[in-house]
Protein backbone atom coordinates (compact mmCIF):
# COMPACT_ATOMS: atom_id res chain seq x y z
CA UNK A 1 -105.96 -157.66 -152.86
CA UNK A 2 -102.29 -156.82 -152.33
CA UNK A 3 -99.95 -159.50 -151.00
CA UNK A 4 -97.16 -157.51 -149.31
CA UNK A 5 -95.13 -158.69 -146.36
CA UNK A 6 -94.75 -156.35 -143.43
CA UNK A 7 -91.23 -157.41 -142.45
CA UNK A 8 -88.31 -158.81 -144.38
CA UNK A 9 -87.47 -162.44 -143.72
CA UNK A 10 -84.27 -163.23 -141.88
CA UNK A 11 -82.10 -166.32 -142.09
CA UNK A 12 -82.73 -168.75 -139.25
CA UNK A 13 -79.93 -169.93 -136.96
CA UNK A 14 -80.03 -173.32 -138.70
CA UNK A 15 -79.68 -171.65 -142.11
CA UNK A 16 -76.77 -169.52 -140.90
CA UNK A 17 -75.04 -172.60 -139.50
CA UNK A 18 -75.44 -174.40 -142.84
CA UNK A 19 -74.08 -171.40 -144.75
CA UNK A 20 -71.07 -171.21 -142.41
CA UNK A 21 -70.51 -174.94 -142.89
CA UNK A 22 -70.53 -174.54 -146.68
CA UNK A 23 -68.24 -171.49 -146.65
CA UNK A 24 -65.73 -173.12 -144.28
CA UNK A 25 -65.71 -176.38 -146.25
CA UNK A 26 -65.20 -174.65 -149.59
CA UNK A 27 -62.47 -172.43 -148.10
CA UNK A 28 -60.65 -175.52 -146.74
CA UNK A 29 -60.94 -177.17 -150.17
CA UNK A 30 -59.46 -174.10 -151.89
CA UNK A 31 -56.54 -173.99 -149.44
CA UNK A 32 -55.94 -177.73 -149.91
CA UNK A 33 -55.93 -177.44 -153.69
CA UNK A 34 -53.72 -174.31 -153.60
CA UNK A 35 -51.41 -176.12 -151.17
CA UNK A 36 -51.23 -173.03 -148.99
CA UNK A 37 -53.48 -170.88 -146.85
CA UNK A 38 -55.14 -168.10 -148.83
CA UNK A 39 -56.85 -164.93 -147.69
CA UNK A 40 -60.55 -165.39 -146.84
CA UNK A 41 -62.36 -163.94 -149.85
CA UNK A 42 -66.13 -164.42 -150.12
CA UNK A 43 -66.06 -163.53 -153.81
CA UNK A 44 -63.81 -166.55 -154.51
CA UNK A 45 -65.60 -168.80 -152.01
CA UNK A 46 -69.02 -167.91 -153.45
CA UNK A 47 -67.87 -168.44 -157.02
CA UNK A 48 -66.36 -171.85 -156.21
CA UNK A 49 -69.52 -172.83 -154.30
CA UNK A 50 -71.68 -171.92 -157.31
CA UNK A 51 -69.47 -174.03 -159.58
CA UNK A 52 -69.63 -176.98 -157.18
CA UNK A 53 -73.42 -176.70 -157.05
CA UNK A 54 -73.56 -176.58 -160.85
CA UNK A 55 -71.49 -179.77 -161.20
CA UNK A 56 -73.55 -181.54 -158.54
CA UNK A 57 -76.81 -180.57 -160.26
CA UNK A 58 -75.44 -181.85 -163.58
CA UNK A 59 -75.02 -185.23 -161.87
CA UNK A 60 -78.45 -184.97 -160.23
CA UNK A 61 -77.00 -184.50 -156.74
CA UNK A 62 -78.90 -181.96 -154.68
CA UNK A 63 -77.04 -179.49 -152.46
CA UNK A 64 -78.90 -177.68 -149.66
CA UNK A 65 -77.77 -174.05 -149.91
CA UNK A 66 -80.29 -172.00 -147.93
CA UNK A 67 -81.23 -168.42 -148.68
CA UNK A 68 -84.04 -165.92 -149.06
CA UNK A 69 -85.54 -165.14 -152.46
CA UNK A 70 -87.30 -161.85 -153.19
CA UNK A 71 -90.03 -162.30 -155.79
CA UNK A 72 -90.94 -159.73 -158.44
CA UNK A 73 -93.93 -158.60 -156.36
CA UNK A 74 -91.65 -157.85 -153.40
CA UNK A 75 -92.68 -160.85 -151.31
CA UNK A 76 -89.98 -163.06 -149.89
CA UNK A 77 -89.67 -166.78 -149.33
CA UNK A 78 -87.10 -169.19 -147.96
CA UNK A 79 -85.14 -171.28 -150.45
CA UNK A 80 -82.91 -174.33 -149.98
CA UNK A 81 -81.13 -174.23 -153.31
């Protein structure tokens, strides 16, 4: 029996709001540390967010960072990390 989803999952409004909150917070942190406004750059924001998550995990602090994971068999599921 094949377990294929008909439609791709989409981020919920709540997930999108959380992602916006994370991006905006990290961007504000970068600008504060740089002591000047910088251009909005998702490559930098994403990289900094990943580093923050890594440090938090090292100290056993969980960060809710929602997303959608595509499994090897093509099925998708929601993820909060």
